[in-house]
PDB file of N, CA and C in Angstrom:
ATOM      1  N   MET A   1      43.045 152.519 102.963  1.00  0.00           N
ATOM      2  CA  MET A   1      44.505 151.666 103.138  1.00  0.00           C
ATOM      3  C   MET A   1      43.986 150.189 103.787  1.00  0.00           C
ATOM      4  N   GLN A   2      44.688 149.360 103.434  1.00  0.00           N
ATOM      5  CA  GLN A   2      44.084 147.986 103.583  1.00  0.00           C
ATOM      6  C   GLN A   2      45.264 147.497 104.851  1.00  0.00           C
ATOM      7  N   ASN A   3      44.674 146.972 105.919  1.00  0.00           N
ATOM      8  CA  ASN A   3      45.400 146.432 106.909  1.00  0.00           C
ATOM      9  C   ASN A   3      46.216 145.335 106.275  1.00  0.00           C
ATOM     10  N   LYS A   4      47.387 145.053 106.995  1.00  0.00           N
ATOM     11  CA  LYS A   4      47.977 143.726 106.743  1.00  0.00           C
ATOM     12  C   LYS A   4      47.577 142.745 107.747  1.00  0.00           C
ATOM     13  N   PRO A   5      47.313 141.405 107.111  1.00  0.00           N
ATOM     14  CA  PRO A   5      47.104 140.620 107.990  1.00  0.00           C
ATOM     15  C   PRO A   5      48.143 140.164 109.136  1.00  0.00           C
ATOM     16  N   PRO A   6      47.714 139.878 110.531  1.00  0.00           N
ATOM     17  CA  PRO A   6      48.935 139.434 111.237  1.00  0.00           C
ATOM     18  C   PRO A   6      49.463 138.170 111.144  1.00  0.00           C
ATOM     19  N   ILE A   7      50.631 138.254 111.858  1.00  0.00           N
ATOM     20  CA  ILE A   7      51.409 137.327 111.835  1.00  0.00           C
ATOM     21  C   ILE A   7      51.569 136.667 113.389  1.00  0.00           C
ATOM     22  N   VAL A   8      51.169 135.357 113.049  1.00  0.00           N
ATOM     23  CA  VAL A   8      51.102 134.643 114.217  1.00  0.00           C
ATOM     24  C   VAL A   8      52.395 133.476 114.589  1.00  0.00           C
ATOM     25  N   ARG A   9      52.383 133.133 115.921  1.00  0.00           N
ATOM     26  CA  ARG A   9      53.316 131.950 115.673  1.00  0.00           C
ATOM     27  C   ARG A   9      52.733 130.757 115.179  1.00  0.00           C
ATOM     28  N   CYS A  10      53.634 129.735 114.308  1.00  0.00           N
ATOM     29  CA  CYS A  10      52.969 128.616 113.922  1.00  0.00           C
ATOM     30  C   CYS A  10      52.830 127.741 115.347  1.00  0.00           C
ATOM     31  N   PRO A  11      51.876 126.762 115.690  1.00  0.00           N
ATOM     32  CA  PRO A  11      51.509 125.994 117.137  1.00  0.00           C
ATOM     33  C   PRO A  11      52.421 124.801 116.888  1.00  0.00           C
ATOM     34  N   ALA A  12      53.185 124.414 115.837  1.00  0.00           N
ATOM     35  CA  ALA A  12      53.962 123.187 115.686  1.00  0.00           C
ATOM     36  C   ALA A  12      55.646 123.677 115.730  1.00  0.00           C
ATOM     37  N   CYS A  13      55.826 124.511 115.019  1.00  0.00           N
ATOM     38  CA  CYS A  13      57.338 124.833 114.952  1.00  0.00           C
ATOM     39  C   CYS A  13      57.658 126.276 115.701  1.00  0.00           C
ATOM     40  N   GLY A  14      56.685 127.135 116.079  1.00  0.00           N
ATOM     41  CA  GLY A  14      57.005 128.379 116.587  1.00  0.00           C
ATOM     42  C   GLY A  14      57.703 129.395 115.641  1.00  0.00           C
ATOM     43  N   GLY A  15      57.334 129.012 114.329  1.00  0.00           N
ATOM     44  CA  GLY A  15      57.971 130.014 113.270  1.00  0.00           C
ATOM     45  C   GLY A  15      56.800 131.111 113.017  1.00  0.00           C
ATOM     46  N   GLU A  16      57.191 132.126 112.029  1.00  0.00           N
ATOM     47  CA  GLU A  16      56.133 132.838 111.828  1.00  0.00           C
ATOM     48  C   GLU A  16      55.437 132.168 110.960  1.00  0.00           C
ATOM     49  N   SER A  17      54.015 132.424 110.850  1.00  0.00           N
ATOM     50  CA  SER A  17      52.542 132.342 110.021  1.00  0.00           C
ATOM     51  C   SER A  17      51.812 133.323 109.848  1.00  0.00           C
ATOM     52  N   LEU A  18      51.612 133.838 108.548  1.00  0.00           N
ATOM     53  CA  LEU A  18      50.783 134.602 107.869  1.00  0.00           C
ATOM     54  C   LEU A  18      49.354 134.149 108.410  1.00  0.00           C
ATOM     55  N   PHE A  19      48.349 135.001 109.173  1.00  0.00           N
ATOM     56  CA  PHE A  19      47.021 134.199 109.526  1.00  0.00           C
ATOM     57  C   PHE A  19      46.119 135.064 108.464  1.00  0.00           C
ATOM     58  N   ALA A  20      46.066 134.563 107.298  1.00  0.00           N
ATOM     59  CA  ALA A  20      45.075 135.168 106.160  1.00  0.00           C
ATOM     60  C   ALA A  20      44.753 133.985 105.368  1.00  0.00           C
ATOM     61  N   PRO A  21      43.516 134.296 104.678  1.00  0.00           N
ATOM     62  CA  PRO A  21      43.051 133.516 103.880  1.00  0.00           C
ATOM     63  C   PRO A  21      44.037 132.906 102.860  1.00  0.00           C
ATOM     64  N   SER A  22      44.982 133.548 102.310  1.00  0.00           N
ATOM     65  CA  SER A  22      45.836 133.273 101.466  1.00  0.00           C
ATOM     66  C   SER A  22      46.989 132.228 102.010  1.00  0.00           C
ATOM     67  N   ASN A  23      46.778 132.100 103.384  1.00  0.00           N
ATOM     68  CA  ASN A  23      47.834 130.798 103.899  1.00  0.00           C
ATOM     69  C   ASN A  23      46.782 129.612 104.037  1.00  0.00           C
ATOM     70  N   GLU A  24      46.842 128.537 103.271  1.00  0.00           N
ATOM     71  CA  GLU A  24      45.862 127.669 103.497  1.00  0.00           C
ATOM     72  C   GLU A  24      45.987 126.669 104.669  1.00  0.00           C
ATOM     73  N   TRP A  25      47.259 126.829 105.523  1.00  0.00           N
ATOM     74  CA  TRP A  25      47.372 125.918 106.388  1.00  0.00           C
ATOM     75  C   TRP A  25      47.018 126.815 107.721  1.00  0.00           C
ATOM     76  N   ARG A  26      46.862 128.104 107.741  1.00  0.00           N
ATOM     77  CA  ARG A  26      46.620 129.017 108.827  1.00  0.00           C
ATOM     78  C   ARG A  26      45.906 127.862 110.271  1.00  0.00           C
ATOM     79  N   PRO A  27      46.225 128.252 111.133  1.00  0.00           N
ATOM     80  CA  PRO A  27      47.221 129.064 112.127  1.00  0.00           C
ATOM     81  C   PRO A  27      49.023 128.418 111.868  1.00  0.00           C
ATOM     82  N   PHE A  28      49.016 127.364 111.049  1.00  0.00           N
ATOM     83  CA  PHE A  28      50.261 126.492 111.087  1.00  0.00           C
ATOM     84  C   PHE A  28      50.981 127.378 109.749  1.00  0.00           C
ATOM     85  N   CYS A  29      52.392 127.193 109.575  1.00  0.00           N
ATOM     86  CA  CYS A  29      53.002 127.770 108.927  1.00  0.00           C
ATOM     87  C   CYS A  29      53.336 127.017 107.362  1.00  0.00           C
ATOM     88  N   SER A  30      53.089 125.817 107.293  1.00  0.00           N
ATOM     89  CA  SER A  30      53.169 124.639 106.490  1.00  0.00           C
ATOM     90  C   SER A  30      52.130 123.814 106.547  1.00  0.00           C
ATOM     91  N   GLN A  31      52.172 122.990 105.223  1.00  0.00           N
ATOM     92  CA  GLN A  31      51.355 121.817 105.361  1.00  0.00           C
ATOM     93  C   GLN A  31      52.087 120.633 106.204  1.00  0.00           C
ATOM     94  N   ARG A  32      53.289 120.671 106.178  1.00  0.00           N
ATOM     95  CA  ARG A  32      54.082 119.751 107.132  1.00  0.00           C
ATOM     96  C   ARG A  32      53.713 119.950 108.835  1.00  0.00           C
ATOM     97  N   CYS A  33      53.481 121.282 109.212  1.00  0.00           N
ATOM     98  CA  CYS A  33      53.557 121.747 110.347  1.00  0.00           C
ATOM     99  C   CYS A  33      51.902 120.990 110.745  1.00  0.00           C
ATOM    100  N   LYS A  34      51.193 121.607 109.592  1.00  0.00           N
ATOM    101  CA  LYS A  34      49.860 120.991 110.197  1.00  0.00           C
ATOM    102  C   LYS A  34      49.580 119.661 110.280  1.00  0.00           C
ATOM    103  N   GLN A  35      50.576 118.846 109.615  1.00  0.00           N
ATOM    104  CA  GLN A  35      50.253 117.398 109.647  1.00  0.00           C
ATOM    105  C   GLN A  35      50.951 116.590 110.839  1.00  0.00           C
ATOM    106  N   VAL A  36      52.040 117.373 111.224  1.00  0.00           N
ATOM    107  CA  VAL A  36      52.617 117.290 112.562  1.00  0.00           C
ATOM    108  C   VAL A  36      51.898 117.187 113.743  1.00  0.00           C
ATOM    109  N   ASP A  37      51.157 118.229 113.864  1.00  0.00           N
ATOM    110  CA  ASP A  37      50.219 118.454 114.848  1.00  0.00           C
ATOM    111  C   ASP A  37      48.934 117.458 114.559  1.00  0.00           C
ATOM    112  N   PHE A  38      48.138 117.336 113.768  1.00  0.00           N
ATOM    113  CA  PHE A  38      47.311 116.337 113.312  1.00  0.00           C
ATOM    114  C   PHE A  38      47.808 114.837 113.778  1.00  0.00           C
ATOM    115  N   GLY A  39      49.118 114.664 113.315  1.00  0.00           N
ATOM    116  CA  GLY A  39      49.628 113.257 113.853  1.00  0.00           C
ATOM    117  C   GLY A  39      49.674 113.213 115.730  1.00  0.00           C
ATOM    118  N   ALA A  40      50.083 114.339 116.108  1.00  0.00           N
ATOM    119  CA  ALA A  40      50.062 114.437 117.655  1.00  0.00           C
ATOM    120  C   ALA A  40      48.628 114.046 118.210  1.00  0.00           C
ATOM    121  N   TRP A  41      47.711 114.635 117.484  1.00  0.00           N
ATOM    122  CA  TRP A  41      45.961 114.379 118.178  1.00  0.00           C
ATOM    123  C   TRP A  41      45.938 112.978 117.832  1.00  0.00           C
ATOM    124  N   ALA A  42      46.257 112.420 116.709  1.00  0.00           N
ATOM    125  CA  ALA A  42      45.734 111.272 116.317  1.00  0.00           C
ATOM    126  C   ALA A  42      46.428 109.847 117.485  1.00  0.00           C
ATOM    127  N   SER A  43      47.578 110.218 117.586  1.00  0.00           N
ATOM    128  CA  SER A  43      48.400 109.585 118.612  1.00  0.00           C
ATOM    129  C   SER A  43      48.184 109.553 119.916  1.00  0.00           C
ATOM    130  N   GLU A  44      47.439 110.180 120.087  1.00  0.00           N
ATOM    131  CA  GLU A  44      46.901 110.695 121.804  1.00  0.00           C
ATOM    132  C   GLU A  44      48.271 111.693 122.435  1.00  0.00           C
ATOM    133  N   GLU A  45      49.072 112.265 121.580  1.00  0.00           N
ATOM    134  CA  GLU A  45      50.315 112.997 122.333  1.00  0.00           C
ATOM    135  C   GLU A  45      49.427 114.326 123.184  1.00  0.00           C
ATOM    136  N   PHE A  46      48.397 114.890 122.274  1.00  0.00           N
ATOM    137  CA  PHE A  46      47.510 115.855 122.663  1.00  0.00           C
ATOM    138  C   PHE A  46      46.534 115.502 123.265  1.00  0.00           C
ATOM    139  N   ARG A  47      45.575 116.093 124.343  1.00  0.00           N
ATOM    140  CA  ARG A  47      44.486 115.312 124.850  1.00  0.00           C
ATOM    141  C   ARG A  47      43.820 116.721 125.603  1.00  0.00           C
ATOM    142  N   VAL A  48      42.401 116.632 125.379  1.00  0.00           N
ATOM    143  CA  VAL A  48      41.557 117.763 126.059  1.00  0.00           C
ATOM    144  C   VAL A  48      41.682 117.437 127.447  1.00  0.00           C
ATOM    145  N   ALA A  49      41.902 118.240 128.139  1.00  0.00           N
ATOM    146  CA  ALA A  49      41.618 118.070 129.860  1.00  0.00           C
ATOM    147  C   ALA A  49      40.309 117.696 130.099  1.00  0.00           C
ATOM    148  N   GLY A  50      40.079 117.088 131.028  1.00  0.00           N
ATOM    149  CA  GLY A  50      38.810 116.649 131.874  1.00  0.00           C
ATOM    150  C   GLY A  50      38.968 115.994 132.859  1.00  0.00           C
ATOM    151  N   LYS A  51      38.034 115.803 133.563  1.00  0.00           N
ATOM    152  CA  LYS A  51      37.916 114.850 134.860  1.00  0.00           C
ATOM    153  C   LYS A  51      37.154 113.609 134.638  1.00  0.00           C
ATOM    154  N   LEU A  52      37.603 112.657 134.683  1.00  0.00           N
ATOM    155  CA  LEU A  52      36.635 111.225 134.576  1.00  0.00           C
ATOM    156  C   LEU A  52      35.663 110.926 135.453  1.00  0.00           C
ATOM    157  N   GLU A  53      35.639 111.777 136.747  1.00  0.00           N
ATOM    158  CA  GLU A  53      34.434 111.484 137.401  1.00  0.00           C
ATOM    159  C   GLU A  53      33.450 112.533 136.914  1.00  0.00           C
ATOM    160  N   ASP A  54      33.539 113.309 135.806  1.00  0.00           N
ATOM    161  CA  ASP A  54      32.475 114.120 135.280  1.00  0.00           C
ATOM    162  C   ASP A  54      31.732 113.306 134.363  1.00  0.00           C
ATOM    163  N   LEU A  55      32.606 112.303 133.852  1.00  0.00           N
ATOM    164  CA  LEU A  55      31.714 111.198 133.045  1.00  0.00           C
ATOM    165  C   LEU A  55      30.513 110.491 133.633  1.00  0.00           C
ATOM    166  N   ASP A  56      29.258 109.918 132.934  1.00  0.00           N
ATOM    167  CA  ASP A  56      28.644 108.748 133.615  1.00  0.00           C
ATOM    168  C   ASP A  56      29.076 107.749 133.619  1.00  0.00           C
ATOM    169  N   PRO A  57      28.837 106.618 134.796  1.00  0.00           N
ATOM    170  CA  PRO A  57      29.575 105.292 134.899  1.00  0.00           C
ATOM    171  C   PRO A  57      29.490 104.547 133.416  1.00  0.00           C
ATOM    172  N   SER A  58      28.389 104.767 132.771  1.00  0.00           N
ATOM    173  CA  SER A  58      28.235 103.881 131.499  1.00  0.00           C
ATOM    174  C   SER A  58      29.210 104.568 130.152  1.00  0.00           C
ATOM    175  N   GLU A  59      29.557 105.706 130.319  1.00  0.00           N
ATOM    176  CA  GLU A  59      30.223 106.222 129.476  1.00  0.00           C
ATOM    177  C   GLU A  59      31.859 105.933 129.654  1.00  0.00           C
ATOM    178  N   LEU A  60      32.053 105.602 131.094  1.00  0.00           N
ATOM    179  CA  LEU A  60      33.448 104.602 131.442  1.00  0.00           C
ATOM    180  C   LEU A  60      33.642 103.709 131.126  1.00  0.00           C
ATOM    181  N   SER A  61      32.639 102.742 130.997  1.00  0.00           N
ATOM    182  CA  SER A  61      32.610 101.397 130.400  1.00  0.00           C
ATOM    183  C   SER A  61      32.593 101.143 129.143  1.00  0.00           C
ATOM    184  N   ASP A  62      32.303 102.306 128.622  1.00  0.00           N
ATOM    185  CA  ASP A  62      32.210 102.250 126.942  1.00  0.00           C
ATOM    186  C   ASP A  62      33.649 102.428 126.509  1.00  0.00           C
ATOM    187  N   LEU A  63      34.296 103.531 127.351  1.00  0.00           N
ATOM    188  CA  LEU A  63      35.706 103.766 127.069  1.00  0.00           C
ATOM    189  C   LEU A  63      36.559 102.502 127.379  1.00  0.00           C
ATOM    190  N   SER A  64      36.737 101.770 128.252  1.00  0.00           N
ATOM    191  CA  SER A  64      37.382 100.741 128.569  1.00  0.00           C
ATOM    192  C   SER A  64      36.980  99.454 127.605  1.00  0.00           C
ATOM    193  N   ASP A  65      35.928  99.324 127.317  1.00  0.00           N
ATOM    194  CA  ASP A  65      35.755  98.583 126.144  1.00  0.00           C
ATOM    195  C   ASP A  65      36.573  99.020 124.846  1.00  0.00           C
ATOM    196  N   GLN A  66      36.399 100.360 124.365  1.00  0.00           N
ATOM    197  CA  GLN A  66      36.931 100.629 123.222  1.00  0.00           C
ATOM    198  C   GLN A  66      38.417 100.568 123.046  1.00  0.00           C
ATOM    199  N   SER A  67      38.927 100.556 124.998  1.00  0.00           N
ATOM    200  CA  SER A  67      40.389 100.859 124.621  1.00  0.00           C
ATOM    201  C   SER A  67      41.047  99.311 124.478  1.00  0.00           C
ATOM    202  N   ALA A  68      39.899  98.590 125.108  1.00  0.00           N
ATOM    203  CA  ALA A  68      40.397  97.046 125.094  1.00  0.00           C
ATOM    204  C   ALA A  68      40.512  96.403 123.272  1.00  0.00           C
ATOM    205  N   THR A  69      39.389  96.847 122.717  1.00  0.00           N
ATOM    206  CA  THR A  69      39.828  96.314 121.235  1.00  0.00           C
ATOM    207  C   THR A  69      40.507  97.235 120.462  1.00  0.00           C
ATOM    208  N   ARG A  70      41.300  98.150 120.846  1.00  0.00           N
ATOM    209  CA  ARG A  70      42.364  98.830 120.035  1.00  0.00           C
ATOM    210  C   ARG A  70      43.676  98.540 120.011  1.00  0.00           C
ATOM    211  N   HIS A  71      43.865  97.753 121.316  1.00  0.00           N
ATOM    212  CA  HIS A  71      45.288  97.322 121.636  1.00  0.00           C
ATOM    213  C   HIS A  71      45.320  95.886 121.153  1.00  0.00           C
TER     214      HIS A  71
END
């Protein structure tokens, strides 16, 4: 007897998503949800938590230089 793949919540819409190799967008339920999530990361709506004081001072100046050239 073969186990059924688990059904998980889609991180984007909260709908059901089959977590199996047959779902090419896993853990998302669709290509659209995967793209919505990617867009949120790309536009910096999502960020990895961290403390700026953990960075080396030279890294902070690099970040401010990059920010100045992007806007």
